[in-house]
């Protein structure tokens, strides 16, 4: 057991993020998200939007 409170300082050198697109959302909703990412156009927004649109073409509309 430690005999006191210890601290730790970390320097963030890299960030890796993942997007989760809910497959149970209507195609219109997922397409709108891709459109907004394209409009925003920051960082990997545009490639991510393109990937989502390709995925929508491949998967097709969600059927309940």
N, C-alpha and C. Protein backbone atom coordinates (compact mmCIF):
# COMPACT_ATOMS: atom_id res chain seq x y z
N UNK A 1 0.85 -1.18 0.00
CA UNK A 1 0.00 0.00 0.00
C UNK A 1 0.90 1.24 0.00
N UNK A 2 0.51 2.23 -0.79
CA UNK A 2 1.27 3.47 -0.83
C UNK A 2 0.98 4.31 0.40
N UNK A 3 1.98 5.03 0.86
CA UNK A 3 1.81 5.81 2.08
C UNK A 3 1.38 7.25 1.80
N UNK A 4 0.77 7.50 0.67
CA UNK A 4 0.30 8.85 0.38
C UNK A 4 -0.34 8.90 -1.00
N UNK A 5 -0.76 10.07 -1.38
CA UNK A 5 -1.37 10.27 -2.69
C UNK A 5 -0.25 10.50 -3.69
N UNK A 6 -0.31 9.78 -4.77
CA UNK A 6 0.70 9.90 -5.83
C UNK A 6 0.06 10.55 -7.05
N UNK A 7 0.85 11.29 -7.79
CA UNK A 7 0.35 11.94 -9.00
C UNK A 7 1.13 11.46 -10.21
N UNK A 8 0.54 11.66 -11.34
CA UNK A 8 1.14 11.23 -12.59
C UNK A 8 0.77 12.26 -13.66
N UNK A 9 1.73 12.73 -14.41
CA UNK A 9 1.46 13.69 -15.47
C UNK A 9 1.82 13.02 -16.79
N UNK A 10 0.85 13.00 -17.71
CA UNK A 10 1.06 12.38 -19.01
C UNK A 10 0.98 13.43 -20.10
N UNK A 11 1.78 13.26 -21.12
CA UNK A 11 1.73 14.14 -22.28
C UNK A 11 1.05 13.37 -23.41
N UNK A 12 -0.02 13.93 -23.95
CA UNK A 12 -0.73 13.30 -25.06
C UNK A 12 0.04 13.59 -26.33
N UNK A 13 0.47 12.53 -27.01
CA UNK A 13 1.25 12.70 -28.23
C UNK A 13 0.49 12.27 -29.47
N UNK A 14 -0.61 11.54 -29.31
CA UNK A 14 -1.35 11.04 -30.46
C UNK A 14 -2.78 10.71 -30.02
N UNK A 15 -3.72 10.91 -30.91
CA UNK A 15 -5.12 10.56 -30.64
C UNK A 15 -5.64 9.74 -31.80
N UNK A 16 -6.23 8.61 -31.49
CA UNK A 16 -6.86 7.79 -32.52
C UNK A 16 -8.34 7.67 -32.17
N UNK A 17 -9.16 8.04 -33.12
CA UNK A 17 -10.60 8.03 -32.87
C UNK A 17 -11.30 7.10 -33.86
N UNK A 18 -12.42 6.58 -33.42
CA UNK A 18 -13.24 5.75 -34.29
C UNK A 18 -14.64 6.34 -34.31
N UNK A 19 -15.26 6.25 -35.46
CA UNK A 19 -16.64 6.68 -35.59
C UNK A 19 -17.51 5.45 -35.58
N UNK A 20 -18.59 5.53 -34.86
CA UNK A 20 -19.56 4.43 -34.87
C UNK A 20 -20.83 4.94 -35.50
N UNK A 21 -21.16 4.38 -36.62
CA UNK A 21 -22.41 4.73 -37.29
C UNK A 21 -23.42 3.67 -36.92
N UNK A 22 -24.52 4.08 -36.39
CA UNK A 22 -25.56 3.16 -35.97
C UNK A 22 -26.26 2.61 -37.20
N UNK A 23 -26.13 1.31 -37.42
CA UNK A 23 -26.76 0.68 -38.58
C UNK A 23 -28.27 0.66 -38.47
N UNK A 24 -28.81 1.00 -37.32
CA UNK A 24 -30.25 0.95 -37.14
C UNK A 24 -30.90 2.31 -37.32
N UNK A 25 -30.16 3.25 -37.89
CA UNK A 25 -30.72 4.56 -38.19
C UNK A 25 -31.16 4.56 -39.66
N UNK A 26 -32.17 5.34 -39.99
CA UNK A 26 -32.61 5.41 -41.39
C UNK A 26 -31.48 5.93 -42.29
N UNK A 27 -31.53 5.52 -43.54
CA UNK A 27 -30.52 5.95 -44.51
C UNK A 27 -30.46 7.47 -44.58
N UNK A 28 -31.60 8.13 -44.50
CA UNK A 28 -31.63 9.59 -44.59
C UNK A 28 -30.82 10.22 -43.46
N UNK A 29 -30.93 9.66 -42.27
CA UNK A 29 -30.18 10.18 -41.13
C UNK A 29 -28.68 10.00 -41.34
N UNK A 30 -28.28 8.79 -41.76
CA UNK A 30 -26.85 8.53 -41.97
C UNK A 30 -26.29 9.37 -43.10
N UNK A 31 -27.08 9.59 -44.15
CA UNK A 31 -26.64 10.44 -45.26
C UNK A 31 -26.50 11.89 -44.79
N UNK A 32 -27.42 12.34 -43.93
CA UNK A 32 -27.34 13.71 -43.41
C UNK A 32 -26.07 13.91 -42.57
N UNK A 33 -25.71 12.90 -41.80
CA UNK A 33 -24.47 12.98 -41.01
C UNK A 33 -23.27 13.11 -41.95
N UNK A 34 -23.25 12.30 -42.99
CA UNK A 34 -22.16 12.38 -43.96
C UNK A 34 -22.13 13.75 -44.63
N UNK A 35 -23.29 14.31 -44.95
CA UNK A 35 -23.35 15.65 -45.56
C UNK A 35 -22.78 16.71 -44.62
N UNK A 36 -23.14 16.62 -43.34
CA UNK A 36 -22.63 17.60 -42.37
C UNK A 36 -21.12 17.48 -42.18
N UNK A 37 -20.61 16.25 -42.21
CA UNK A 37 -19.16 16.07 -42.12
C UNK A 37 -18.48 16.71 -43.32
N UNK A 38 -19.05 16.54 -44.51
CA UNK A 38 -18.48 17.13 -45.71
C UNK A 38 -18.50 18.65 -45.63
N UNK A 39 -19.61 19.21 -45.14
CA UNK A 39 -19.71 20.67 -44.99
C UNK A 39 -18.68 21.20 -44.01
N UNK A 40 -18.48 20.48 -42.89
CA UNK A 40 -17.54 20.94 -41.87
C UNK A 40 -16.12 20.88 -42.40
N UNK A 41 -15.76 19.77 -43.04
CA UNK A 41 -14.49 19.66 -43.75
C UNK A 41 -13.23 19.78 -42.92
N UNK A 42 -13.26 19.38 -41.66
CA UNK A 42 -12.06 19.46 -40.82
C UNK A 42 -11.40 18.09 -40.72
N UNK A 43 -10.09 18.07 -40.70
CA UNK A 43 -9.36 16.83 -40.47
C UNK A 43 -9.78 15.73 -41.43
N UNK A 44 -10.27 14.64 -40.90
CA UNK A 44 -10.67 13.49 -41.70
C UNK A 44 -12.17 13.46 -41.97
N UNK A 45 -12.85 14.59 -41.82
CA UNK A 45 -14.30 14.64 -42.02
C UNK A 45 -14.71 14.16 -43.41
N UNK A 46 -14.07 14.71 -44.46
CA UNK A 46 -14.48 14.41 -45.83
C UNK A 46 -14.20 12.94 -46.18
N UNK A 47 -13.01 12.40 -45.91
CA UNK A 47 -12.81 10.98 -46.20
C UNK A 47 -13.75 10.07 -45.40
N UNK A 48 -14.06 10.46 -44.17
CA UNK A 48 -14.98 9.67 -43.35
C UNK A 48 -16.37 9.70 -43.95
N UNK A 49 -16.81 10.87 -44.40
CA UNK A 49 -18.13 10.99 -45.03
C UNK A 49 -18.20 10.15 -46.30
N UNK A 50 -17.14 10.18 -47.09
CA UNK A 50 -17.12 9.37 -48.33
C UNK A 50 -17.19 7.88 -48.01
N UNK A 51 -16.46 7.48 -46.99
CA UNK A 51 -16.49 6.07 -46.59
C UNK A 51 -17.89 5.67 -46.14
N UNK A 52 -18.56 6.54 -45.39
CA UNK A 52 -19.91 6.24 -44.93
C UNK A 52 -20.87 6.13 -46.11
N UNK A 53 -20.75 7.02 -47.09
CA UNK A 53 -21.63 6.96 -48.25
C UNK A 53 -21.39 5.70 -49.06
N UNK A 54 -20.12 5.29 -49.20
CA UNK A 54 -19.83 4.02 -49.89
C UNK A 54 -20.44 2.85 -49.13
N UNK A 55 -20.37 2.92 -47.82
CA UNK A 55 -20.94 1.86 -46.98
C UNK A 55 -22.46 1.80 -47.14
N UNK A 56 -23.10 2.96 -47.20
CA UNK A 56 -24.55 2.99 -47.41
C UNK A 56 -24.92 2.35 -48.74
N UNK A 57 -24.13 2.61 -49.79
CA UNK A 57 -24.38 2.01 -51.10
C UNK A 57 -24.26 0.49 -51.02
N UNK A 58 -23.29 0.01 -50.26
CA UNK A 58 -23.05 -1.43 -50.15
C UNK A 58 -24.08 -2.12 -49.28
N UNK A 59 -24.42 -1.52 -48.15
CA UNK A 59 -25.31 -2.16 -47.18
C UNK A 59 -26.78 -1.96 -47.55
N UNK A 60 -27.11 -0.78 -48.03
CA UNK A 60 -28.49 -0.48 -48.38
C UNK A 60 -29.29 -0.04 -47.15
N UNK A 61 -30.57 0.21 -47.34
CA UNK A 61 -31.39 0.72 -46.25
C UNK A 61 -31.64 -0.33 -45.17
N UNK A 62 -31.80 0.19 -43.98
CA UNK A 62 -32.08 -0.68 -42.83
C UNK A 62 -33.53 -1.14 -42.87
N UNK A 63 -33.74 -2.39 -42.63
CA UNK A 63 -35.09 -2.94 -42.60
C UNK A 63 -35.39 -3.41 -41.18
N UNK A 64 -36.45 -2.86 -40.53
CA UNK A 64 -36.77 -3.27 -39.15
C UNK A 64 -37.28 -4.70 -39.09
